[in-house]
Amino acid sequence: MSADRRPSSPAAAGTYREGPAGLAYRALLEHTQMCEQCVDDVRGCATGKVLVRILREAARGR
């Protein structure tokens, strides 16, 4: 990546590996592997919705 092109989000920057967002990201990946509701539509699963919300808040820099 050149110096003039900066990652636009924590995901692009790789910052999901650390902190609460990293934990949520790994938990979401693990959870979706065993949750049929998440595979069909994450909006149908309370756990999936919370994990996605945490990731979105981290991407917004909260």
Protein backbone atom coordinates (compact mmCIF):
# COMPACT_ATOMS: atom_id res chain seq x y z
CA MET A 1 0.00 0.00 0.00
CA SER A 2 1.47 3.34 -1.01
CA ALA A 3 1.91 6.18 1.47
CA ASP A 4 -0.84 8.25 -0.15
CA ARG A 5 -3.44 5.47 0.10
CA ARG A 6 -4.49 4.97 3.69
CA PRO A 7 -6.84 2.20 4.83
CA SER A 8 -10.35 3.61 5.09
CA SER A 9 -11.57 1.43 7.94
CA PRO A 10 -10.30 -0.60 10.90
CA ALA A 11 -10.95 -3.76 8.89
CA ALA A 12 -8.82 -2.49 6.00
CA ALA A 13 -6.11 -1.44 8.42
CA GLY A 14 -6.14 -4.83 10.11
CA THR A 15 -6.99 -3.38 13.53
CA TYR A 16 -9.70 -5.96 14.13
CA ARG A 17 -6.95 -8.24 15.42
CA GLU A 18 -6.78 -6.36 18.70
CA GLY A 19 -9.11 -5.01 21.34
CA PRO A 20 -12.85 -5.52 21.72
CA ALA A 21 -13.40 -5.37 17.96
CA GLY A 22 -10.91 -8.21 17.46
CA LEU A 23 -12.68 -10.32 20.04
CA ALA A 24 -16.05 -9.57 18.46
CA TYR A 25 -14.73 -10.36 14.99
CA ARG A 26 -13.34 -13.73 16.05
CA ALA A 27 -16.50 -14.48 18.04
CA LEU A 28 -18.67 -13.62 15.03
CA LEU A 29 -16.63 -15.89 12.76
CA GLU A 30 -16.84 -18.74 15.25
CA HIS A 31 -20.52 -18.16 15.99
CA THR A 32 -21.61 -18.05 12.34
CA GLN A 33 -20.01 -21.42 11.68
CA MET A 34 -22.51 -23.09 14.00
CA CYS A 35 -25.56 -20.80 13.83
CA GLU A 36 -28.03 -21.57 11.04
CA GLN A 37 -29.87 -18.30 11.64
CA CYS A 38 -26.69 -16.31 10.99
CA VAL A 39 -25.96 -18.26 7.84
CA ASP A 40 -29.47 -17.50 6.53
CA ASP A 41 -29.75 -13.91 7.81
CA VAL A 42 -27.76 -12.41 10.71
CA ARG A 43 -30.73 -10.13 11.54
CA GLY A 44 -32.58 -13.21 12.80
CA CYS A 45 -30.03 -13.97 15.52
CA ALA A 46 -29.62 -11.78 18.61
CA THR A 47 -26.01 -12.86 19.18
CA GLY A 48 -25.06 -12.20 15.57
CA LYS A 49 -26.72 -8.78 15.64
CA VAL A 50 -24.80 -7.73 18.75
CA LEU A 51 -21.46 -8.88 17.34
CA VAL A 52 -22.09 -7.08 14.04
CA ARG A 53 -23.07 -3.91 15.93
CA ILE A 54 -19.79 -4.00 17.87
CA LEU A 55 -17.84 -4.30 14.63
CA ARG A 56 -19.73 -1.42 13.02
CA GLU A 57 -19.12 0.81 16.03
CA ALA A 58 -15.42 -0.01 15.92
CA ALA A 59 -15.33 0.82 12.19
CA ARG A 60 -16.88 4.21 12.95
CA GLY A 61 -14.16 4.84 15.51
CA ARG A 62 -16.30 4.75 18.64
